[in-house]
Protein backbone atom coordinates (compact mmCIF):
# COMPACT_ATOMS: atom_id res chain seq x y z
CA UNK A 1 -0.07 0.12 0.34
CA UNK A 2 0.86 3.29 -0.70
CA UNK A 3 0.48 5.43 2.43
CA UNK A 4 -1.82 5.10 4.34
CA UNK A 5 -4.86 7.37 4.84
CA UNK A 6 -5.67 6.48 8.39
CA UNK A 7 -4.34 9.44 10.26
CA UNK A 8 -7.81 11.66 10.48
CA UNK A 9 -8.88 12.33 13.79
CA UNK A 10 -13.18 10.50 14.39
CA UNK A 11 -14.78 8.45 16.30
CA UNK A 12 -15.09 4.96 14.21
CA UNK A 13 -15.16 1.88 16.14
CA UNK A 14 -11.29 0.44 16.88
CA UNK A 15 -12.24 -2.45 14.49
CA UNK A 16 -13.50 -0.57 11.66
CA UNK A 17 -10.39 1.48 11.85
CA UNK A 18 -7.80 -2.31 12.17
CA UNK A 19 -8.49 -3.80 9.24
CA UNK A 20 -10.01 -3.84 5.73
CA UNK A 21 -13.28 -4.15 5.84
CA UNK A 22 -15.31 -7.32 4.02
CA UNK A 23 -16.87 -6.71 0.94
CA UNK A 24 -19.62 -7.70 2.89
CA UNK A 25 -19.79 -5.73 5.11
CA UNK A 26 -19.45 -2.01 2.70
CA UNK A 27 -22.89 -3.42 1.58
CA UNK A 28 -24.66 -3.44 4.51
CA UNK A 29 -22.66 -0.17 4.30
CA UNK A 30 -23.87 0.62 0.43
CA UNK A 31 -27.71 0.09 2.08
CA UNK A 32 -28.16 2.53 5.51
CA UNK A 33 -29.04 5.77 5.14
CA UNK A 34 -27.14 6.79 8.06
CA UNK A 35 -24.25 9.57 6.79
CA UNK A 36 -21.62 7.50 9.12
CA UNK A 37 -21.42 4.31 7.75
CA UNK A 38 -21.28 6.34 4.46
CA UNK A 39 -18.17 8.28 6.23
CA UNK A 40 -17.22 4.31 6.80
CA UNK A 41 -18.12 3.56 3.11
CA UNK A 42 -16.17 5.01 1.27
CA UNK A 43 -13.45 4.64 3.45
CA UNK A 44 -13.63 1.34 3.05
CA UNK A 45 -13.75 1.05 -1.09
CA UNK A 46 -10.64 3.82 0.04
CA UNK A 47 -8.95 1.30 1.85
CA UNK A 48 -9.48 -1.34 -1.10
CA UNK A 49 -8.30 1.33 -3.80
CA UNK A 50 -5.23 1.71 -2.19
CA UNK A 51 -4.30 -1.48 -1.16
CA UNK A 52 -4.76 -2.51 -4.64
CA UNK A 53 -3.60 0.87 -6.78
CA UNK A 54 -0.81 -0.73 -7.95
CA UNK A 55 -3.02 -3.55 -9.87
CA UNK A 56 -6.11 -1.35 -10.65
CA UNK A 57 -6.81 0.03 -14.05
CA UNK A 58 -8.39 3.30 -15.80
CA UNK A 59 -12.30 1.59 -15.18
CA UNK A 60 -11.25 0.48 -11.04
CA UNK A 61 -10.04 3.92 -10.69
CA UNK A 62 -13.68 5.82 -12.28
CA UNK A 63 -15.98 3.10 -10.83
CA UNK A 64 -14.03 4.42 -7.15
CA UNK A 65 -14.04 8.24 -8.09
CA UNK A 66 -17.89 8.12 -9.29
CA UNK A 67 -19.15 6.89 -5.62
CA UNK A 68 -16.47 8.19 -3.67
CA UNK A 69 -17.89 11.75 -5.85
CA UNK A 70 -21.29 10.66 -5.73
CA UNK A 71 -20.69 9.41 -0.98
CA UNK A 72 -18.52 12.68 -0.77
CA UNK A 73 -21.77 14.72 -2.24
CA UNK A 74 -23.99 13.03 0.98
CA UNK A 75 -21.52 13.90 3.61
CA UNK A 76 -21.26 16.08 6.14
CA UNK A 77 -19.32 19.13 6.49
CA UNK A 78 -17.05 17.10 9.09
CA UNK A 79 -17.67 13.47 7.91
CA UNK A 80 -15.53 15.69 4.13
CA UNK A 81 -13.18 17.54 6.07
CA UNK A 82 -11.97 14.67 7.87
CA UNK A 83 -11.65 12.18 4.53
CA UNK A 84 -9.83 15.39 2.60
CA UNK A 85 -7.06 15.05 5.71
CA UNK A 86 -6.97 11.02 4.70
CA UNK A 87 -6.42 11.60 1.87
CA UNK A 88 -4.24 14.82 1.09
CA UNK A 89 -1.88 13.62 1.08
CA UNK A 90 -2.25 10.03 -1.53
CA UNK A 91 0.10 9.41 -4.94
CA UNK A 92 -2.48 8.72 -7.72
CA UNK A 93 -4.55 9.38 -5.58
CA UNK A 94 -8.36 9.64 -8.53
CA UNK A 95 -8.59 13.08 -9.58
CA UNK A 96 -11.44 13.93 -9.65
CA UNK A 97 -12.29 12.84 -6.85
CA UNK A 98 -8.90 15.29 -5.64
CA UNK A 99 -11.02 18.11 -7.52
CA UNK A 100 -14.05 17.40 -5.92
CA UNK A 101 -12.36 17.89 -2.89
CA UNK A 102 -10.68 20.35 -4.12
CA UNK A 103 -13.89 22.62 -4.96
CA UNK A 104 -15.30 22.04 -1.15
CA UNK A 105 -15.22 24.65 1.26
CA UNK A 106 -12.65 25.56 2.77
CA UNK A 107 -12.52 23.61 5.63
CA UNK A 108 -12.44 20.55 2.92
CA UNK A 109 -10.12 22.26 0.01
CA UNK A 110 -7.36 23.40 2.35
CA UNK A 111 -5.39 19.73 3.51
CA UNK A 112 -6.14 18.73 0.19
CA UNK A 113 -4.34 21.76 -2.16
CA UNK A 114 -1.81 22.17 1.22
CA UNK A 115 -0.39 18.54 1.06
CA UNK A 116 -1.86 16.52 -2.80
CA UNK A 117 0.99 14.85 -4.40
CA UNK A 118 -2.36 14.96 -7.42
CA UNK A 119 -2.28 18.92 -8.08
CA UNK A 120 -0.48 20.86 -10.75
CA UNK A 121 0.83 24.28 -10.65
CA UNK A 122 -2.12 24.73 -13.69
CA UNK A 123 -4.35 23.42 -11.12
CA UNK A 124 -2.82 25.51 -8.51
CA UNK A 125 -3.08 28.30 -10.23
CA UNK A 126 -6.51 27.47 -12.09
CA UNK A 127 -7.53 27.86 -8.34
CA UNK A 128 -5.85 31.06 -7.97
CA UNK A 129 -8.49 32.81 -10.30
CA UNK A 130 -11.11 31.17 -9.78
């Protein structure tokens, strides 16, 4: 794995924090209507992506990005802030997700703008011109 993104402060149970969620657990979280469960789902899906980043192809990244962006739109601000802090430093992280985080509230965007190796100088110039 390229690096841990479990650096955020949240109240996730030790069981979820200590291991990769199974597909069955991810499915259960996806069926929930609870925002906290969707936050855990996004973290679990990101775990799977980062664990398999070298073996994943463009289609895998695209599907992950689509799901992550949908979940991010549904999450409360505190959950989006937490997620941004967790993934801001990750290399090879899907650009679509990085761009969505950067376009979010300043408290979500700031760690990504500061730390993301995915953002190029042209991205940063574009942000500065907004």
